């Protein structure tokens, strides 16, 4: 029984070590994935372009009005 438990425990440890190595390995990040991330970001910017412009304009207007009091 003790041998069986040792064998099972050893397998569990090896599997856990393998899972940790896979999670921590970042060599799989390829150029294609980076391009896809950039495409998604650019698409979001284009979709919300008007909202972003109005937000930036309101922030700069507030900065300009607040800086007049300094």
C-alpha atoms as a PDB file:
ATOM      1  CA  UNK A   1       0.000   0.000   0.000  1.00  0.00           C
ATOM      2  CA  UNK A   2       2.846   2.353   0.850  1.00  0.00           C
ATOM      3  CA  UNK A   3       4.457   1.790  -2.556  1.00  0.00           C
ATOM      4  CA  UNK A   4       1.176   2.556  -4.285  1.00  0.00           C
ATOM      5  CA  UNK A   5       0.806   5.831  -2.356  1.00  0.00           C
ATOM      6  CA  UNK A   6       4.398   6.811  -3.143  1.00  0.00           C
ATOM      7  CA  UNK A   7       3.836   6.085  -6.829  1.00  0.00           C
ATOM      8  CA  UNK A   8       0.602   8.117  -6.917  1.00  0.00           C
ATOM      9  CA  UNK A   9       2.188  10.979  -4.997  1.00  0.00           C
ATOM     10  CA  UNK A  10       5.145  11.001  -7.388  1.00  0.00           C
ATOM     11  CA  UNK A  11       2.833  11.142 -10.408  1.00  0.00           C
ATOM     12  CA  UNK A  12       0.857  13.993  -8.876  1.00  0.00           C
ATOM     13  CA  UNK A  13       4.068  15.927  -8.178  1.00  0.00           C
ATOM     14  CA  UNK A  14       5.313  15.413 -11.747  1.00  0.00           C
ATOM     15  CA  UNK A  15       1.966  16.527 -13.200  1.00  0.00           C
ATOM     16  CA  UNK A  16       1.917  19.608 -10.963  1.00  0.00           C
ATOM     17  CA  UNK A  17       5.484  20.469 -11.979  1.00  0.00           C
ATOM     18  CA  UNK A  18       4.541  20.076 -15.642  1.00  0.00           C
ATOM     19  CA  UNK A  19       1.489  22.333 -15.212  1.00  0.00           C
ATOM     20  CA  UNK A  20       3.611  24.997 -13.495  1.00  0.00           C
ATOM     21  CA  UNK A  21       6.206  24.857 -16.276  1.00  0.00           C
ATOM     22  CA  UNK A  22       3.510  25.261 -18.950  1.00  0.00           C
ATOM     23  CA  UNK A  23       1.920  28.210 -17.134  1.00  0.00           C
ATOM     24  CA  UNK A  24       5.227  29.986 -16.538  1.00  0.00           C
ATOM     25  CA  UNK A  25       6.543  29.410 -20.062  1.00  0.00           C
ATOM     26  CA  UNK A  26       6.025  32.529 -22.176  1.00  0.00           C
ATOM     27  CA  UNK A  27       8.014  31.458 -25.225  1.00  0.00           C
ATOM     28  CA  UNK A  28       4.761  30.759 -27.061  1.00  0.00           C
ATOM     29  CA  UNK A  29       4.011  34.453 -27.450  1.00  0.00           C
ATOM     30  CA  UNK A  30       4.534  34.856 -31.156  1.00  0.00           C
ATOM     31  CA  UNK A  31       4.423  37.708 -33.592  1.00  0.00           C
ATOM     32  CA  UNK A  32       1.013  36.587 -34.822  1.00  0.00           C
ATOM     33  CA  UNK A  33      -0.458  36.885 -31.330  1.00  0.00           C
ATOM     34  CA  UNK A  34       1.056  40.340 -30.890  1.00  0.00           C
ATOM     35  CA  UNK A  35      -0.417  41.445 -34.232  1.00  0.00           C
ATOM     36  CA  UNK A  36      -3.832  40.101 -33.237  1.00  0.00           C
ATOM     37  CA  UNK A  37      -3.705  42.019 -29.955  1.00  0.00           C
ATOM     38  CA  UNK A  38      -2.792  45.208 -31.822  1.00  0.00           C
ATOM     39  CA  UNK A  39      -5.618  44.661 -34.325  1.00  0.00           C
ATOM     40  CA  UNK A  40      -8.125  44.310 -31.486  1.00  0.00           C
ATOM     41  CA  UNK A  41      -6.852  47.480 -29.803  1.00  0.00           C
ATOM     42  CA  UNK A  42      -6.982  49.452 -33.054  1.00  0.00           C
ATOM     43  CA  UNK A  43     -10.501  48.163 -33.753  1.00  0.00           C
ATOM     44  CA  UNK A  44     -11.654  49.273 -30.301  1.00  0.00           C
ATOM     45  CA  UNK A  45     -10.149  52.705 -30.811  1.00  0.00           C
ATOM     46  CA  UNK A  46     -11.902  53.049 -34.173  1.00  0.00           C
ATOM     47  CA  UNK A  47     -15.231  51.883 -32.757  1.00  0.00           C
ATOM     48  CA  UNK A  48     -15.122  54.279 -29.812  1.00  0.00           C
ATOM     49  CA  UNK A  49     -13.365  57.111 -31.671  1.00  0.00           C
ATOM     50  CA  UNK A  50     -16.057  59.742 -31.107  1.00  0.00           C
ATOM     51  CA  UNK A  51     -16.411  58.929 -27.417  1.00  0.00           C
ATOM     52  CA  UNK A  52     -12.643  59.037 -26.936  1.00  0.00           C
ATOM     53  CA  UNK A  53     -12.357  62.400 -28.712  1.00  0.00           C
ATOM     54  CA  UNK A  54     -15.117  63.927 -26.593  1.00  0.00           C
ATOM     55  CA  UNK A  55     -13.559  62.517 -23.410  1.00  0.00           C
ATOM     56  CA  UNK A  56     -10.112  63.921 -24.234  1.00  0.00           C
ATOM     57  CA  UNK A  57     -11.602  67.294 -25.191  1.00  0.00           C
ATOM     58  CA  UNK A  58     -13.546  67.510 -21.933  1.00  0.00           C
ATOM     59  CA  UNK A  59     -10.446  66.605 -19.934  1.00  0.00           C
ATOM     60  CA  UNK A  60      -8.388  69.298 -21.685  1.00  0.00           C
ATOM     61  CA  UNK A  61     -11.188  71.853 -21.225  1.00  0.00           C
ATOM     62  CA  UNK A  62     -11.274  71.097 -17.519  1.00  0.00           C
ATOM     63  CA  UNK A  63      -7.485  71.358 -17.265  1.00  0.00           C
ATOM     64  CA  UNK A  64      -7.547  74.685 -19.090  1.00  0.00           C
ATOM     65  CA  UNK A  65     -10.326  76.123 -16.923  1.00  0.00           C
ATOM     66  CA  UNK A  66      -8.713  74.906 -13.674  1.00  0.00           C
ATOM     67  CA  UNK A  67      -5.264  76.187 -14.639  1.00  0.00           C
ATOM     68  CA  UNK A  68      -6.645  79.701 -15.108  1.00  0.00           C
ATOM     69  CA  UNK A  69      -7.165  79.888 -11.352  1.00  0.00           C
ATOM     70  CA  UNK A  70      -3.503  79.227 -10.571  1.00  0.00           C
END
